[in-house]
PDB file of N, CA and C in Angstrom:
ATOM      1  N   MET A   1      23.445  10.236 -24.431  1.00  0.00           N
ATOM      2  CA  MET A   1      23.626   9.591 -23.139  1.00  0.00           C
ATOM      3  C   MET A   1      22.253   9.339 -22.501  1.00  0.00           C
ATOM      4  N   ALA A   2      21.988   8.124 -22.132  1.00  0.00           N
ATOM      5  CA  ALA A   2      20.708   7.746 -21.547  1.00  0.00           C
ATOM      6  C   ALA A   2      20.747   7.961 -20.038  1.00  0.00           C
ATOM      7  N   ASN A   3      19.597   8.353 -19.507  1.00  0.00           N
ATOM      8  CA  ASN A   3      19.475   8.477 -18.057  1.00  0.00           C
ATOM      9  C   ASN A   3      19.269   7.092 -17.467  1.00  0.00           C
ATOM     10  N   ASN A   4      20.053   6.768 -16.476  1.00  0.00           N
ATOM     11  CA  ASN A   4      19.913   5.488 -15.801  1.00  0.00           C
ATOM     12  C   ASN A   4      19.235   5.708 -14.464  1.00  0.00           C
ATOM     13  N   ILE A   5      17.930   5.814 -14.516  1.00  0.00           N
ATOM     14  CA  ILE A   5      17.143   6.053 -13.305  1.00  0.00           C
ATOM     15  C   ILE A   5      16.614   4.724 -12.804  1.00  0.00           C
ATOM     16  N   ASP A   6      16.838   4.459 -11.534  1.00  0.00           N
ATOM     17  CA  ASP A   6      16.337   3.230 -10.923  1.00  0.00           C
ATOM     18  C   ASP A   6      14.965   3.539 -10.314  1.00  0.00           C
ATOM     19  N   PHE A   7      13.922   3.218 -11.061  1.00  0.00           N
ATOM     20  CA  PHE A   7      12.576   3.534 -10.613  1.00  0.00           C
ATOM     21  C   PHE A   7      12.138   2.697  -9.423  1.00  0.00           C
ATOM     22  N   SER A   8      12.791   1.568  -9.165  1.00  0.00           N
ATOM     23  CA  SER A   8      12.427   0.770  -7.999  1.00  0.00           C
ATOM     24  C   SER A   8      12.696   1.552  -6.717  1.00  0.00           C
ATOM     25  N   ILE A   9      13.734   2.362  -6.704  1.00  0.00           N
ATOM     26  CA  ILE A   9      14.035   3.186  -5.528  1.00  0.00           C
ATOM     27  C   ILE A   9      12.948   4.231  -5.338  1.00  0.00           C
ATOM     28  N   ILE A  10      12.503   4.826  -6.418  1.00  0.00           N
ATOM     29  CA  ILE A  10      11.433   5.830  -6.344  1.00  0.00           C
ATOM     30  C   ILE A  10      10.149   5.187  -5.824  1.00  0.00           C
ATOM     31  N   ARG A  11       9.814   3.982  -6.324  1.00  0.00           N
ATOM     32  CA  ARG A  11       8.615   3.277  -5.845  1.00  0.00           C
ATOM     33  C   ARG A  11       8.724   2.967  -4.362  1.00  0.00           C
ATOM     34  N   GLU A  12       9.890   2.516  -3.919  1.00  0.00           N
ATOM     35  CA  GLU A  12      10.066   2.189  -2.500  1.00  0.00           C
ATOM     36  C   GLU A  12       9.932   3.432  -1.621  1.00  0.00           C
ATOM     37  N   HIS A  13      10.456   4.547  -2.070  1.00  0.00           N
ATOM     38  CA  HIS A  13      10.307   5.796  -1.318  1.00  0.00           C
ATOM     39  C   HIS A  13       8.843   6.204  -1.257  1.00  0.00           C
ATOM     40  N   ALA A  14       8.149   6.088  -2.379  1.00  0.00           N
ATOM     41  CA  ALA A  14       6.725   6.433  -2.416  1.00  0.00           C
ATOM     42  C   ALA A  14       5.938   5.546  -1.460  1.00  0.00           C
ATOM     43  N   LEU A  15       6.217   4.249  -1.475  1.00  0.00           N
ATOM     44  CA  LEU A  15       5.512   3.324  -0.582  1.00  0.00           C
ATOM     45  C   LEU A  15       5.798   3.631   0.886  1.00  0.00           C
ATOM     46  N   ARG A  16       7.035   3.967   1.194  1.00  0.00           N
ATOM     47  CA  ARG A  16       7.378   4.320   2.579  1.00  0.00           C
ATOM     48  C   ARG A  16       6.610   5.569   3.012  1.00  0.00           C
ATOM     49  N   ASN A  17       6.555   6.563   2.131  1.00  0.00           N
ATOM     50  CA  ASN A  17       5.841   7.806   2.457  1.00  0.00           C
ATOM     51  C   ASN A  17       4.345   7.564   2.608  1.00  0.00           C
ATOM     52  N   ILE A  18       3.779   6.732   1.754  1.00  0.00           N
ATOM     53  CA  ILE A  18       2.350   6.415   1.849  1.00  0.00           C
ATOM     54  C   ILE A  18       2.065   5.718   3.168  1.00  0.00           C
ATOM     55  N   ARG A  19       2.896   4.734   3.534  1.00  0.00           N
ATOM     56  CA  ARG A  19       2.711   4.019   4.798  1.00  0.00           C
ATOM     57  C   ARG A  19       2.762   4.986   5.984  1.00  0.00           C
ATOM     58  N   GLU A  20       3.766   5.859   5.993  1.00  0.00           N
ATOM     59  CA  GLU A  20       3.913   6.820   7.093  1.00  0.00           C
ATOM     60  C   GLU A  20       2.726   7.778   7.161  1.00  0.00           C
ATOM     61  N   ASP A  21       2.259   8.231   6.005  1.00  0.00           N
ATOM     62  CA  ASP A  21       1.098   9.129   5.970  1.00  0.00           C
ATOM     63  C   ASP A  21      -0.151   8.444   6.524  1.00  0.00           C
ATOM     64  N   LEU A  22      -0.373   7.201   6.136  1.00  0.00           N
ATOM     65  CA  LEU A  22      -1.542   6.469   6.627  1.00  0.00           C
ATOM     66  C   LEU A  22      -1.441   6.211   8.130  1.00  0.00           C
ATOM     67  N   LEU A  23      -0.252   5.868   8.601  1.00  0.00           N
ATOM     68  CA  LEU A  23      -0.063   5.650  10.036  1.00  0.00           C
ATOM     69  C   LEU A  23      -0.363   6.919  10.822  1.00  0.00           C
ATOM     70  N   THR A  24       0.073   8.050  10.313  1.00  0.00           N
ATOM     71  CA  THR A  24      -0.170   9.331  10.985  1.00  0.00           C
ATOM     72  C   THR A  24      -1.649   9.703  10.932  1.00  0.00           C
ATOM     73  N   GLU A  25      -2.230   9.569   9.762  1.00  0.00           N
ATOM     74  CA  GLU A  25      -3.620   9.985   9.557  1.00  0.00           C
ATOM     75  C   GLU A  25      -4.612   9.142  10.350  1.00  0.00           C
ATOM     76  N   TYR A  26      -4.344   7.861  10.495  1.00  0.00           N
ATOM     77  CA  TYR A  26      -5.296   6.961  11.150  1.00  0.00           C
ATOM     78  C   TYR A  26      -4.823   6.469  12.512  1.00  0.00           C
ATOM     79  N   ALA A  27      -3.859   7.149  13.104  1.00  0.00           N
ATOM     80  CA  ALA A  27      -3.284   6.722  14.390  1.00  0.00           C
ATOM     81  C   ALA A  27      -4.328   6.639  15.497  1.00  0.00           C
ATOM     82  N   GLY A  28      -5.299   7.522  15.505  1.00  0.00           N
ATOM     83  CA  GLY A  28      -6.309   7.511  16.560  1.00  0.00           C
ATOM     84  C   GLY A  28      -7.387   6.469  16.376  1.00  0.00           C
ATOM     85  N   LYS A  29      -7.464   5.886  15.206  1.00  0.00           N
ATOM     86  CA  LYS A  29      -8.531   4.929  14.911  1.00  0.00           C
ATOM     87  C   LYS A  29      -8.045   3.481  14.883  1.00  0.00           C
ATOM     88  N   TYR A  30      -6.802   3.273  14.451  1.00  0.00           N
ATOM     89  CA  TYR A  30      -6.255   1.927  14.314  1.00  0.00           C
ATOM     90  C   TYR A  30      -4.891   1.833  14.978  1.00  0.00           C
ATOM     91  N   ASP A  31      -4.572   0.646  15.430  1.00  0.00           N
ATOM     92  CA  ASP A  31      -3.258   0.351  15.971  1.00  0.00           C
ATOM     93  C   ASP A  31      -2.250   0.321  14.808  1.00  0.00           C
ATOM     94  N   ALA A  32      -1.058   0.833  15.035  1.00  0.00           N
ATOM     95  CA  ALA A  32      -0.030   0.875  13.990  1.00  0.00           C
ATOM     96  C   ALA A  32       0.286  -0.520  13.456  1.00  0.00           C
ATOM     97  N   LEU A  33       0.285  -1.526  14.307  1.00  0.00           N
ATOM     98  CA  LEU A  33       0.568  -2.890  13.875  1.00  0.00           C
ATOM     99  C   LEU A  33      -0.492  -3.377  12.887  1.00  0.00           C
ATOM    100  N   GLU A  34      -1.764  -3.038  13.161  1.00  0.00           N
ATOM    101  CA  GLU A  34      -2.842  -3.434  12.242  1.00  0.00           C
ATOM    102  C   GLU A  34      -2.665  -2.781  10.871  1.00  0.00           C
ATOM    103  N   ILE A  35      -2.357  -1.494  10.885  1.00  0.00           N
ATOM    104  CA  ILE A  35      -2.158  -0.775   9.622  1.00  0.00           C
ATOM    105  C   ILE A  35      -0.969  -1.368   8.871  1.00  0.00           C
ATOM    106  N   ASN A  36       0.128  -1.595   9.565  1.00  0.00           N
ATOM    107  CA  ASN A  36       1.319  -2.165   8.922  1.00  0.00           C
ATOM    108  C   ASN A  36       1.051  -3.554   8.353  1.00  0.00           C
ATOM    109  N   ASP A  37       0.330  -4.387   9.099  1.00  0.00           N
ATOM    110  CA  ASP A  37       0.020  -5.734   8.616  1.00  0.00           C
ATOM    111  C   ASP A  37      -0.861  -5.683   7.371  1.00  0.00           C
ATOM    112  N   ALA A  38      -1.874  -4.819   7.402  1.00  0.00           N
ATOM    113  CA  ALA A  38      -2.767  -4.683   6.249  1.00  0.00           C
ATOM    114  C   ALA A  38      -1.996  -4.118   5.056  1.00  0.00           C
ATOM    115  N   PHE A  39      -1.165  -3.118   5.302  1.00  0.00           N
ATOM    116  CA  PHE A  39      -0.369  -2.510   4.238  1.00  0.00           C
ATOM    117  C   PHE A  39       0.525  -3.558   3.580  1.00  0.00           C
ATOM    118  N   ASP A  40       1.188  -4.361   4.395  1.00  0.00           N
ATOM    119  CA  ASP A  40       2.075  -5.405   3.862  1.00  0.00           C
ATOM    120  C   ASP A  40       1.297  -6.404   3.018  1.00  0.00           C
ATOM    121  N   ALA A  41       0.100  -6.786   3.465  1.00  0.00           N
ATOM    122  CA  ALA A  41      -0.723  -7.745   2.724  1.00  0.00           C
ATOM    123  C   ALA A  41      -1.174  -7.161   1.387  1.00  0.00           C
ATOM    124  N   VAL A  42      -1.612  -5.908   1.405  1.00  0.00           N
ATOM    125  CA  VAL A  42      -2.064  -5.243   0.179  1.00  0.00           C
ATOM    126  C   VAL A  42      -0.889  -5.073  -0.779  1.00  0.00           C
ATOM    127  N   LEU A  43       0.241  -4.662  -0.266  1.00  0.00           N
ATOM    128  CA  LEU A  43       1.432  -4.487  -1.096  1.00  0.00           C
ATOM    129  C   LEU A  43       1.844  -5.807  -1.743  1.00  0.00           C
ATOM    130  N   ARG A  44       1.866  -6.872  -0.951  1.00  0.00           N
ATOM    131  CA  ARG A  44       2.227  -8.191  -1.473  1.00  0.00           C
ATOM    132  C   ARG A  44       1.289  -8.609  -2.606  1.00  0.00           C
ATOM    133  N   ALA A  45       0.001  -8.421  -2.393  1.00  0.00           N
ATOM    134  CA  ALA A  45      -0.988  -8.821  -3.406  1.00  0.00           C
ATOM    135  C   ALA A  45      -0.791  -8.044  -4.697  1.00  0.00           C
ATOM    136  N   HIS A  46      -0.560  -6.745  -4.591  1.00  0.00           N
ATOM    137  CA  HIS A  46      -0.381  -5.934  -5.794  1.00  0.00           C
ATOM    138  C   HIS A  46       0.950  -6.240  -6.494  1.00  0.00           C
ATOM    139  N   LYS A  47       1.997  -6.474  -5.722  1.00  0.00           N
ATOM    140  CA  LYS A  47       3.282  -6.823  -6.342  1.00  0.00           C
ATOM    141  C   LYS A  47       3.197  -8.160  -7.064  1.00  0.00           C
ATOM    142  N   ASN A  48       2.458  -9.104  -6.475  1.00  0.00           N
ATOM    143  CA  ASN A  48       2.333 -10.430  -7.081  1.00  0.00           C
ATOM    144  C   ASN A  48       1.532 -10.415  -8.376  1.00  0.00           C
ATOM    145  N   SER A  49       0.610  -9.467  -8.501  1.00  0.00           N
ATOM    146  CA  SER A  49      -0.248  -9.451  -9.689  1.00  0.00           C
ATOM    147  C   SER A  49       0.106  -8.335 -10.673  1.00  0.00           C
ATOM    148  N   ALA A  50       1.103  -7.526 -10.343  1.00  0.00           N
ATOM    149  CA  ALA A  50       1.439  -6.368 -11.175  1.00  0.00           C
ATOM    150  C   ALA A  50       2.057  -6.775 -12.501  1.00  0.00           C
ATOM    151  N   VAL A  51       1.541  -6.168 -13.554  1.00  0.00           N
ATOM    152  CA  VAL A  51       2.162  -6.303 -14.867  1.00  0.00           C
ATOM    153  C   VAL A  51       3.165  -5.165 -15.026  1.00  0.00           C
ATOM    154  N   VAL A  52       2.760  -3.986 -14.547  1.00  0.00           N
ATOM    155  CA  VAL A  52       3.619  -2.795 -14.569  1.00  0.00           C
ATOM    156  C   VAL A  52       3.752  -2.338 -13.117  1.00  0.00           C
ATOM    157  N   GLU A  53       4.931  -2.480 -12.540  1.00  0.00           N
ATOM    158  CA  GLU A  53       5.118  -2.167 -11.124  1.00  0.00           C
ATOM    159  C   GLU A  53       5.081  -0.675 -10.815  1.00  0.00           C
ATOM    160  N   ASP A  54       5.166   0.170 -11.831  1.00  0.00           N
ATOM    161  CA  ASP A  54       5.148   1.618 -11.601  1.00  0.00           C
ATOM    162  C   ASP A  54       3.875   2.071 -10.912  1.00  0.00           C
ATOM    163  N   PHE A  55       2.774   1.347 -11.092  1.00  0.00           N
ATOM    164  CA  PHE A  55       1.488   1.754 -10.544  1.00  0.00           C
ATOM    165  C   PHE A  55       1.200   1.163  -9.165  1.00  0.00           C
ATOM    166  N   VAL A  56       2.059   0.309  -8.670  1.00  0.00           N
ATOM    167  CA  VAL A  56       1.826  -0.361  -7.387  1.00  0.00           C
ATOM    168  C   VAL A  56       1.590   0.640  -6.250  1.00  0.00           C
ATOM    169  N   PRO A  57       2.407   1.689  -6.084  1.00  0.00           N
ATOM    170  CA  PRO A  57       2.142   2.617  -4.976  1.00  0.00           C
ATOM    171  C   PRO A  57       0.748   3.262  -5.041  1.00  0.00           C
ATOM    172  N   VAL A  58       0.310   3.624  -6.221  1.00  0.00           N
ATOM    173  CA  VAL A  58      -1.007   4.251  -6.377  1.00  0.00           C
ATOM    174  C   VAL A  58      -2.110   3.255  -6.010  1.00  0.00           C
ATOM    175  N   LEU A  59      -1.970   2.025  -6.471  1.00  0.00           N
ATOM    176  CA  LEU A  59      -2.975   1.005  -6.192  1.00  0.00           C
ATOM    177  C   LEU A  59      -3.010   0.635  -4.707  1.00  0.00           C
ATOM    178  N   VAL A  60      -1.847   0.536  -4.094  1.00  0.00           N
ATOM    179  CA  VAL A  60      -1.775   0.210  -2.663  1.00  0.00           C
ATOM    180  C   VAL A  60      -2.417   1.324  -1.847  1.00  0.00           C
ATOM    181  N   GLU A  61      -2.090   2.565  -2.165  1.00  0.00           N
ATOM    182  CA  GLU A  61      -2.674   3.682  -1.407  1.00  0.00           C
ATOM    183  C   GLU A  61      -4.185   3.704  -1.556  1.00  0.00           C
ATOM    184  N   ALA A  62      -4.682   3.531  -2.753  1.00  0.00           N
ATOM    185  CA  ALA A  62      -6.131   3.564  -2.979  1.00  0.00           C
ATOM    186  C   ALA A  62      -6.831   2.453  -2.207  1.00  0.00           C
ATOM    187  N   GLU A  63      -6.295   1.242  -2.270  1.00  0.00           N
ATOM    188  CA  GLU A  63      -6.931   0.131  -1.558  1.00  0.00           C
ATOM    189  C   GLU A  63      -6.860   0.318  -0.049  1.00  0.00           C
ATOM    190  N   MET A  64      -5.719   0.765   0.454  1.00  0.00           N
ATOM    191  CA  MET A  64      -5.594   0.995   1.899  1.00  0.00           C
ATOM    192  C   MET A  64      -6.548   2.077   2.376  1.00  0.00           C
ATOM    193  N   ARG A  65      -6.668   3.162   1.627  1.00  0.00           N
ATOM    194  CA  ARG A  65      -7.594   4.229   2.024  1.00  0.00           C
ATOM    195  C   ARG A  65      -9.035   3.714   2.035  1.00  0.00           C
ATOM    196  N   ASP A  66      -9.399   2.892   1.058  1.00  0.00           N
ATOM    197  CA  ASP A  66     -10.738   2.297   1.053  1.00  0.00           C
ATOM    198  C   ASP A  66     -10.945   1.437   2.286  1.00  0.00           C
ATOM    199  N   ARG A  67      -9.988   0.578   2.585  1.00  0.00           N
ATOM    200  CA  ARG A  67     -10.111  -0.303   3.752  1.00  0.00           C
ATOM    201  C   ARG A  67     -10.195   0.501   5.051  1.00  0.00           C
ATOM    202  N   LEU A  68      -9.369   1.520   5.169  1.00  0.00           N
ATOM    203  CA  LEU A  68      -9.360   2.330   6.390  1.00  0.00           C
ATOM    204  C   LEU A  68     -10.667   3.099   6.543  1.00  0.00           C
ATOM    205  N   ARG A  69     -11.169   3.657   5.465  1.00  0.00           N
ATOM    206  CA  ARG A  69     -12.444   4.395   5.525  1.00  0.00           C
ATOM    207  C   ARG A  69     -13.609   3.473   5.858  1.00  0.00           C
ATOM    208  N   GLU A  70     -13.585   2.272   5.290  1.00  0.00           N
ATOM    209  CA  GLU A  70     -14.674   1.317   5.513  1.00  0.00           C
ATOM    210  C   GLU A  70     -14.562   0.622   6.869  1.00  0.00           C
ATOM    211  N   GLY A  71     -13.423   0.763   7.518  1.00  0.00           N
ATOM    212  CA  GLY A  71     -13.229   0.141   8.821  1.00  0.00           C
ATOM    213  C   GLY A  71     -13.001  -1.355   8.740  1.00  0.00           C
ATOM    214  N   ASP A  72     -12.507  -1.830   7.604  1.00  0.00           N
ATOM    215  CA  ASP A  72     -12.287  -3.258   7.404  1.00  0.00           C
ATOM    216  C   ASP A  72     -10.896  -3.468   6.806  1.00  0.00           C
ATOM    217  N   LEU A  73      -9.897  -3.563   7.673  1.00  0.00           N
ATOM    218  CA  LEU A  73      -8.523  -3.710   7.202  1.00  0.00           C
ATOM    219  C   LEU A  73      -8.234  -5.077   6.594  1.00  0.00           C
ATOM    220  N   PHE A  74      -8.988  -6.080   7.016  1.00  0.00           N
ATOM    221  CA  PHE A  74      -8.740  -7.443   6.540  1.00  0.00           C
ATOM    222  C   PHE A  74     -10.052  -8.073   6.054  1.00  0.00           C
ATOM    223  N   PRO A  75     -10.558  -7.586   4.918  1.00  0.00           N
ATOM    224  CA  PRO A  75     -11.829  -8.139   4.417  1.00  0.00           C
ATOM    225  C   PRO A  75     -11.675  -9.608   4.024  1.00  0.00           C
ATOM    226  N   ALA A  76     -12.752 -10.341   4.182  1.00  0.00           N
ATOM    227  CA  ALA A  76     -12.730 -11.752   3.796  1.00  0.00           C
ATOM    228  C   ALA A  76     -12.641 -11.848   2.277  1.00  0.00           C
ATOM    229  N   PRO A  77     -11.881 -12.814   1.787  1.00  0.00           N
ATOM    230  CA  PRO A  77     -11.802 -12.984   0.329  1.00  0.00           C
ATOM    231  C   PRO A  77     -13.160 -13.356  -0.247  1.00  0.00           C
ATOM    232  N   ALA A  78     -13.418 -12.925  -1.460  1.00  0.00           N
ATOM    233  CA  ALA A  78     -14.685 -13.239  -2.122  1.00  0.00           C
ATOM    234  C   ALA A  78     -14.773 -14.737  -2.379  1.00  0.00           C
ATOM    235  N   ALA A  79     -15.935 -15.269  -2.172  1.00  0.00           N
ATOM    236  CA  ALA A  79     -16.148 -16.702  -2.399  1.00  0.00           C
ATOM    237  C   ALA A  79     -16.160 -16.975  -3.906  1.00  0.00           C
ATOM    238  N   ALA A  80     -15.571 -18.081  -4.267  1.00  0.00           N
ATOM    239  CA  ALA A  80     -15.512 -18.433  -5.693  1.00  0.00           C
ATOM    240  C   ALA A  80     -16.740 -19.175  -6.131  1.00  0.00           C
TER     241      ALA A  80
END
């Protein structure tokens, strides 16, 4: 008998927890709307380019933490 685990639910729970943790951790430095907007943009970008969606939560958290630490939630795209 095979386990029928829906990993998309696990990813969504992980993403929700990461978002909540970042909102709590950076509440004194950034407005919640700014964090949510940046999080949504980063999540969208990673979902659009993901070959394996299992890693999306890890990649989103890493990029968001970098942006929050650097104080640049919406960096300009690199010039081509």
